[in-house]
N, C-alpha and C. Protein backbone atom coordinates (compact mmCIF):
# COMPACT_ATOMS: atom_id res chain seq x y z
N MET A 1 27.88 -49.04 11.03
CA MET A 1 28.23 -48.26 9.86
C MET A 1 27.00 -47.53 9.30
N LYS A 2 25.86 -48.26 9.28
CA LYS A 2 24.65 -47.64 8.77
C LYS A 2 24.21 -46.49 9.68
N LEU A 3 24.37 -46.63 10.97
CA LEU A 3 23.99 -45.58 11.91
C LEU A 3 24.83 -44.33 11.67
N LYS A 4 26.11 -44.51 11.36
CA LYS A 4 26.99 -43.37 11.10
C LYS A 4 26.55 -42.64 9.83
N LYS A 5 26.15 -43.39 8.81
CA LYS A 5 25.67 -42.76 7.57
C LYS A 5 24.36 -42.01 7.81
N VAL A 6 23.48 -42.58 8.59
CA VAL A 6 22.20 -41.92 8.89
C VAL A 6 22.43 -40.64 9.67
N LEU A 7 23.29 -40.69 10.68
CA LEU A 7 23.58 -39.49 11.48
C LEU A 7 24.26 -38.43 10.64
N THR A 8 25.20 -38.83 9.79
CA THR A 8 25.90 -37.86 8.92
C THR A 8 24.91 -37.24 7.94
N GLY A 9 24.08 -38.07 7.33
CA GLY A 9 23.08 -37.55 6.39
C GLY A 9 22.09 -36.62 7.06
N SER A 10 21.66 -36.96 8.27
CA SER A 10 20.73 -36.11 9.01
C SER A 10 21.38 -34.78 9.38
N ALA A 11 22.64 -34.84 9.78
CA ALA A 11 23.34 -33.61 10.16
C ALA A 11 23.52 -32.71 8.94
N LEU A 12 23.89 -33.29 7.80
CA LEU A 12 24.04 -32.49 6.57
C LEU A 12 22.70 -31.89 6.14
N SER A 13 21.64 -32.66 6.23
CA SER A 13 20.31 -32.15 5.88
C SER A 13 19.92 -30.98 6.78
N LEU A 14 20.19 -31.13 8.06
CA LEU A 14 19.87 -30.06 9.00
C LEU A 14 20.68 -28.81 8.71
N ILE A 15 21.95 -28.96 8.40
CA ILE A 15 22.81 -27.80 8.08
C ILE A 15 22.31 -27.10 6.83
N LEU A 16 21.96 -27.86 5.79
CA LEU A 16 21.43 -27.26 4.57
C LEU A 16 20.11 -26.55 4.81
N LEU A 17 19.26 -27.14 5.63
CA LEU A 17 17.97 -26.53 5.93
C LEU A 17 18.15 -25.21 6.68
N VAL A 18 19.04 -25.20 7.66
CA VAL A 18 19.27 -23.98 8.44
C VAL A 18 19.93 -22.91 7.59
N SER A 19 20.84 -23.28 6.71
CA SER A 19 21.52 -22.28 5.89
C SER A 19 20.59 -21.71 4.83
N ALA A 20 19.54 -22.42 4.45
CA ALA A 20 18.60 -21.94 3.44
C ALA A 20 17.40 -21.22 4.06
N SER A 21 17.32 -21.15 5.37
CA SER A 21 16.15 -20.54 6.01
C SER A 21 15.93 -19.08 5.65
N PRO A 22 16.95 -18.23 5.43
CA PRO A 22 16.64 -16.87 5.00
C PRO A 22 15.90 -16.79 3.67
N ALA A 23 16.12 -17.75 2.80
CA ALA A 23 15.40 -17.76 1.53
C ALA A 23 13.92 -18.04 1.75
N PHE A 24 13.60 -18.87 2.74
CA PHE A 24 12.21 -19.17 3.03
C PHE A 24 11.54 -18.03 3.79
N ALA A 25 12.32 -17.18 4.44
CA ALA A 25 11.76 -16.10 5.24
C ALA A 25 11.32 -14.91 4.39
N GLU A 26 11.71 -14.86 3.15
CA GLU A 26 11.35 -13.74 2.28
C GLU A 26 9.85 -13.76 2.03
N SER A 27 9.26 -12.57 1.96
CA SER A 27 7.82 -12.50 1.74
C SER A 27 7.49 -12.97 0.33
N PRO A 28 6.32 -13.56 0.15
CA PRO A 28 5.97 -14.08 -1.16
C PRO A 28 5.68 -12.96 -2.16
N LYS A 29 5.98 -13.21 -3.39
CA LYS A 29 5.69 -12.26 -4.46
C LYS A 29 4.34 -12.64 -5.07
N VAL A 30 3.35 -11.78 -4.89
CA VAL A 30 2.02 -12.06 -5.39
C VAL A 30 1.90 -11.49 -6.79
N THR A 31 1.53 -12.33 -7.73
CA THR A 31 1.37 -11.88 -9.11
C THR A 31 -0.06 -12.07 -9.59
N SER A 32 -0.99 -11.91 -8.69
CA SER A 32 -2.39 -12.06 -9.03
C SER A 32 -2.86 -10.87 -9.85
N SER A 33 -3.84 -11.09 -10.71
CA SER A 33 -4.35 -10.00 -11.53
C SER A 33 -5.19 -9.02 -10.71
N SER A 34 -5.62 -9.43 -9.50
CA SER A 34 -6.41 -8.53 -8.67
C SER A 34 -5.54 -7.50 -7.95
N ASN A 35 -4.23 -7.74 -7.87
CA ASN A 35 -3.31 -6.79 -7.25
C ASN A 35 -2.56 -6.05 -8.35
N TYR A 36 -2.99 -4.83 -8.64
CA TYR A 36 -2.33 -4.08 -9.69
C TYR A 36 -2.11 -2.66 -9.21
N ALA A 37 -1.14 -2.01 -9.79
CA ALA A 37 -0.86 -0.62 -9.43
C ALA A 37 -1.88 0.28 -10.13
N MET A 38 -2.35 1.28 -9.40
CA MET A 38 -3.33 2.19 -9.99
C MET A 38 -2.62 3.21 -10.85
N SER A 39 -3.19 3.52 -11.97
CA SER A 39 -2.62 4.52 -12.85
C SER A 39 -3.48 5.78 -12.79
N ALA A 40 -3.05 6.81 -13.48
CA ALA A 40 -3.78 8.07 -13.46
C ALA A 40 -5.17 7.93 -14.07
N GLN A 41 -5.35 6.98 -14.97
CA GLN A 41 -6.67 6.80 -15.57
C GLN A 41 -7.65 6.12 -14.62
N ASP A 42 -7.15 5.53 -13.54
CA ASP A 42 -8.00 4.84 -12.59
C ASP A 42 -8.48 5.74 -11.46
N ILE A 43 -8.16 7.02 -11.50
CA ILE A 43 -8.50 7.94 -10.41
C ILE A 43 -9.29 9.12 -10.96
N GLU A 44 -10.38 9.45 -10.29
CA GLU A 44 -11.17 10.62 -10.64
C GLU A 44 -10.97 11.66 -9.54
N THR A 45 -10.84 12.92 -9.90
CA THR A 45 -10.59 13.97 -8.91
C THR A 45 -11.64 15.07 -9.01
N ILE A 46 -11.84 15.76 -7.88
CA ILE A 46 -12.66 16.97 -7.85
C ILE A 46 -11.93 18.00 -7.00
N THR A 47 -12.20 19.26 -7.26
CA THR A 47 -11.62 20.35 -6.49
C THR A 47 -12.75 21.09 -5.79
N VAL A 48 -12.59 21.29 -4.49
CA VAL A 48 -13.60 21.99 -3.70
C VAL A 48 -12.91 23.17 -3.03
N GLY A 49 -13.42 24.38 -3.25
CA GLY A 49 -12.79 25.57 -2.70
C GLY A 49 -13.68 26.30 -1.72
N GLY A 50 -13.13 27.34 -1.10
CA GLY A 50 -13.89 28.18 -0.21
C GLY A 50 -13.78 27.84 1.26
N TRP A 51 -12.87 26.94 1.63
CA TRP A 51 -12.69 26.60 3.03
C TRP A 51 -12.03 27.77 3.76
N LYS A 52 -12.48 28.04 4.98
CA LYS A 52 -11.96 29.18 5.75
C LYS A 52 -10.57 28.93 6.32
N SER A 53 -10.26 27.67 6.61
CA SER A 53 -8.98 27.33 7.22
C SER A 53 -8.58 25.93 6.79
N ARG A 54 -7.31 25.61 6.89
CA ARG A 54 -6.83 24.26 6.54
C ARG A 54 -7.36 23.24 7.53
N ASN A 55 -7.58 23.64 8.75
CA ASN A 55 -8.02 22.72 9.80
C ASN A 55 -9.46 22.25 9.63
N VAL A 56 -10.27 22.94 8.85
CA VAL A 56 -11.67 22.54 8.70
C VAL A 56 -11.90 21.67 7.47
N ILE A 57 -10.88 21.43 6.66
CA ILE A 57 -11.03 20.59 5.47
C ILE A 57 -11.08 19.13 5.92
N PRO A 58 -12.17 18.41 5.60
CA PRO A 58 -12.27 17.01 6.03
C PRO A 58 -11.38 16.09 5.18
N ASN A 59 -10.88 15.03 5.80
CA ASN A 59 -10.07 14.06 5.07
C ASN A 59 -10.91 13.21 4.12
N ILE A 60 -12.15 12.94 4.51
CA ILE A 60 -13.07 12.17 3.66
C ILE A 60 -14.30 13.03 3.42
N LEU A 61 -14.65 13.19 2.17
CA LEU A 61 -15.81 13.99 1.78
C LEU A 61 -16.87 13.06 1.21
N PRO A 62 -17.94 12.77 1.95
CA PRO A 62 -18.96 11.84 1.45
C PRO A 62 -19.97 12.55 0.56
N LEU A 63 -19.68 12.58 -0.73
CA LEU A 63 -20.63 13.10 -1.71
C LEU A 63 -21.26 11.90 -2.40
N ALA A 64 -22.58 11.75 -2.23
CA ALA A 64 -23.28 10.55 -2.71
C ALA A 64 -23.02 10.33 -4.18
N PRO A 65 -22.82 9.15 -4.60
CA PRO A 65 -22.77 7.89 -3.85
C PRO A 65 -21.34 7.46 -3.51
N TYR A 66 -20.37 8.38 -3.55
CA TYR A 66 -18.96 8.03 -3.36
C TYR A 66 -18.37 8.67 -2.12
N LYS A 67 -17.24 8.12 -1.68
CA LYS A 67 -16.41 8.75 -0.66
C LYS A 67 -15.18 9.30 -1.38
N TRP A 68 -14.92 10.58 -1.20
CA TRP A 68 -13.78 11.25 -1.82
C TRP A 68 -12.71 11.44 -0.75
N TYR A 69 -11.46 11.17 -1.09
CA TYR A 69 -10.35 11.21 -0.14
C TYR A 69 -9.44 12.39 -0.46
N LEU A 70 -9.08 13.15 0.59
CA LEU A 70 -8.25 14.34 0.44
C LEU A 70 -6.86 13.96 -0.05
N LYS A 71 -6.42 14.60 -1.13
CA LYS A 71 -5.09 14.35 -1.68
C LYS A 71 -4.17 15.55 -1.53
N ASP A 72 -4.72 16.76 -1.59
CA ASP A 72 -3.88 17.96 -1.51
C ASP A 72 -4.76 19.14 -1.11
N ALA A 73 -4.15 20.15 -0.53
CA ALA A 73 -4.85 21.39 -0.18
C ALA A 73 -3.88 22.55 -0.32
N TRP A 74 -4.37 23.69 -0.76
CA TRP A 74 -3.53 24.86 -0.91
C TRP A 74 -4.34 26.12 -0.63
N GLN A 75 -3.62 27.19 -0.26
CA GLN A 75 -4.27 28.45 0.07
C GLN A 75 -4.29 29.33 -1.17
N GLU A 76 -5.46 29.90 -1.44
CA GLU A 76 -5.64 30.81 -2.57
C GLU A 76 -5.19 32.22 -2.19
N SER A 77 -5.11 33.10 -3.17
CA SER A 77 -4.66 34.47 -2.91
C SER A 77 -5.64 35.27 -2.06
N ASP A 78 -6.93 34.88 -2.07
CA ASP A 78 -7.92 35.60 -1.26
C ASP A 78 -7.97 35.08 0.18
N GLY A 79 -7.12 34.11 0.55
CA GLY A 79 -7.06 33.61 1.92
C GLY A 79 -7.86 32.35 2.16
N THR A 80 -8.70 31.94 1.22
CA THR A 80 -9.46 30.70 1.39
C THR A 80 -8.62 29.51 0.95
N TRP A 81 -9.07 28.34 1.34
CA TRP A 81 -8.35 27.11 1.02
C TRP A 81 -9.12 26.30 0.00
N THR A 82 -8.40 25.67 -0.90
CA THR A 82 -8.98 24.79 -1.90
C THR A 82 -8.41 23.40 -1.68
N ALA A 83 -9.27 22.37 -1.80
CA ALA A 83 -8.86 20.99 -1.57
C ALA A 83 -9.06 20.17 -2.82
N LEU A 84 -8.13 19.26 -3.05
CA LEU A 84 -8.23 18.30 -4.15
C LEU A 84 -8.59 16.96 -3.56
N TYR A 85 -9.71 16.39 -4.00
CA TYR A 85 -10.17 15.10 -3.55
C TYR A 85 -10.12 14.11 -4.70
N ALA A 86 -9.89 12.84 -4.38
CA ALA A 86 -9.82 11.79 -5.40
C ALA A 86 -10.56 10.55 -4.90
N ARG A 87 -10.97 9.76 -5.86
CA ARG A 87 -11.59 8.47 -5.55
C ARG A 87 -11.19 7.49 -6.63
N PRO A 88 -10.97 6.21 -6.27
CA PRO A 88 -10.67 5.20 -7.28
C PRO A 88 -11.91 4.93 -8.12
N LEU A 89 -11.72 4.66 -9.39
CA LEU A 89 -12.84 4.33 -10.26
C LEU A 89 -13.27 2.89 -10.12
């Protein structure tokens, strides 16, 4: 009789564990203060113009002491290209 109860209990535990496995598979929600969304106040931008073509605008502009990352580029009326660079503060 005890063996039947042990087997039944083990089977029920296994069924519950398997049915709850999708809940354990979900990625963890990190609420650390080091992981935060950047706002507009956290980004500094510069505009650099006079590029001859869109293909010559670099994705990263190393102006000491920072690395500036290309965010947007557009063509001016005179045919030159202007690039918007940003860096996190």
